[in-house]
Amino acid sequence: MLLGGAVAGTSGCVLNACPAIAYISTVVVDVSAFPAATDLQFCADEQCSPAPGEEESQHANLFSASPADDGTWSLFFDMSTPDVVDIRLFDAPGAVIHESEE
């Protein structure tokens, strides 16, 4: 699995006012080597993105994953930059087809 990344920042500042200061870390993961993968979950620092069938609102963190048409997924971390990320790929019925630590 190829793991590449970028960090994007947002400040929320508008016209001399900064009501909130935050950032979102984003990593792009290439899972094209696993064509049966239909869902992805990742965990870092003992927190996880939603697993298949879970609602995002069930999680206290803002971790999420979003697929792209080119076989990559964007992983969004809630104001964190973990050293290690555990990634699980799932097939359509919901079985884990690959796990890795990146």
Protein backbone atom coordinates (compact mmCIF):
# COMPACT_ATOMS: atom_id res chain seq x y z
CA MET A 1 0.00 0.00 0.00
CA LEU A 2 1.41 3.38 -0.94
CA LEU A 3 1.02 6.10 1.64
CA GLY A 4 1.53 9.71 0.68
CA GLY A 5 0.30 12.83 2.32
CA ALA A 6 -0.27 16.50 2.62
CA VAL A 7 -1.28 18.76 5.46
CA ALA A 8 -3.80 21.50 4.86
CA GLY A 9 -4.52 24.32 7.27
CA THR A 10 -7.55 26.45 7.92
CA SER A 11 -7.75 29.37 10.29
CA GLY A 12 -11.35 30.55 10.13
CA CYS A 13 -10.15 34.18 9.99
CA VAL A 14 -12.42 36.69 8.28
CA LEU A 15 -11.96 40.49 8.24
CA ASN A 16 -9.72 41.01 11.28
CA ALA A 17 -11.52 38.35 13.32
CA CYS A 18 -10.38 34.81 14.09
CA PRO A 19 -13.23 33.08 15.93
CA ALA A 20 -11.55 29.68 15.71
CA ILE A 21 -8.12 28.42 14.86
CA ALA A 22 -7.81 24.84 13.65
CA TYR A 23 -6.10 22.63 11.15
CA ILE A 24 -6.92 19.39 9.41
CA SER A 25 -4.27 16.84 8.49
CA THR A 26 -4.98 14.90 5.31
CA VAL A 27 -3.20 11.83 3.96
CA VAL A 28 -3.89 10.21 0.59
CA VAL A 29 -3.65 6.40 0.49
CA ASP A 30 -3.42 4.43 -2.78
CA VAL A 31 -5.44 1.20 -2.44
CA SER A 32 -5.66 0.44 -6.17
CA ALA A 33 -3.75 -2.82 -5.56
CA PHE A 34 -6.90 -4.04 -3.77
CA PRO A 35 -9.72 -3.68 -6.33
CA ALA A 36 -12.20 -5.49 -4.06
CA ALA A 37 -11.84 -2.78 -1.39
CA THR A 38 -15.08 -0.87 -1.01
CA ASP A 39 -14.52 0.69 2.40
CA LEU A 40 -11.64 1.83 4.58
CA GLN A 41 -11.17 2.42 8.30
CA PHE A 42 -8.10 3.88 9.95
CA CYS A 43 -6.99 4.22 13.56
CA ALA A 44 -4.39 6.46 15.17
CA ASP A 45 -3.64 7.25 18.78
CA GLU A 46 -6.37 4.82 19.94
CA GLN A 47 -9.07 6.60 17.91
CA CYS A 48 -10.68 5.30 14.71
CA SER A 49 -12.66 6.53 11.76
CA PRO A 50 -16.09 4.90 11.37
CA ALA A 51 -16.09 1.24 10.31
CA PRO A 52 -18.46 0.10 7.56
CA GLY A 53 -22.03 0.54 8.76
CA GLU A 54 -21.16 2.97 11.57
CA GLU A 55 -22.38 6.55 11.56
CA GLU A 56 -19.76 9.28 11.86
CA SER A 57 -21.79 10.81 14.69
CA GLN A 58 -20.99 7.74 16.85
CA HIS A 59 -17.38 8.92 17.16
CA ALA A 60 -16.07 11.69 19.38
CA ASN A 61 -13.25 12.48 16.93
CA LEU A 62 -13.54 13.91 13.45
CA PHE A 63 -11.57 11.16 11.70
CA SER A 64 -13.07 10.28 8.33
CA ALA A 65 -12.10 8.68 5.02
CA SER A 66 -13.31 9.59 1.56
CA PRO A 67 -12.77 7.56 -1.64
CA ALA A 68 -11.77 8.98 -5.02
CA ASP A 69 -12.39 7.45 -8.45
CA ASP A 70 -8.66 6.81 -9.02
CA GLY A 71 -8.22 4.09 -6.36
CA THR A 72 -7.11 6.46 -3.62
CA TRP A 73 -8.70 7.43 -0.32
CA SER A 74 -8.21 10.69 1.56
CA LEU A 75 -7.86 10.24 5.32
CA PHE A 76 -8.83 13.25 7.40
CA PHE A 77 -7.43 13.62 10.93
CA ASP A 78 -8.99 15.92 13.50
CA MET A 79 -6.15 18.29 14.39
CA SER A 80 -3.59 15.52 14.82
CA THR A 81 -0.49 14.29 13.05
CA PRO A 82 0.04 10.72 14.25
CA ASP A 83 3.31 8.88 13.70
CA VAL A 84 1.58 5.55 13.03
CA VAL A 85 -1.76 4.82 11.33
CA ASP A 86 -3.46 1.42 11.21
CA ILE A 87 -5.47 0.93 8.01
CA ARG A 88 -8.14 -1.71 7.33
CA LEU A 89 -9.68 -2.36 3.92
CA PHE A 90 -13.10 -4.01 3.65
CA ASP A 91 -14.89 -5.74 0.78
CA ALA A 92 -18.57 -5.19 -0.10
CA PRO A 93 -19.91 -7.74 2.45
CA GLY A 94 -17.84 -6.01 5.16
CA ALA A 95 -15.01 -8.52 5.63
CA VAL A 96 -11.50 -7.21 6.30
CA ILE A 97 -9.40 -7.99 3.21
CA HIS A 98 -6.20 -6.17 4.18
CA GLU A 99 -4.65 -4.57 7.27
CA SER A 100 -1.46 -2.56 7.50
CA GLU A 101 0.40 -0.21 9.78
CA GLU A 102 1.83 2.83 8.05
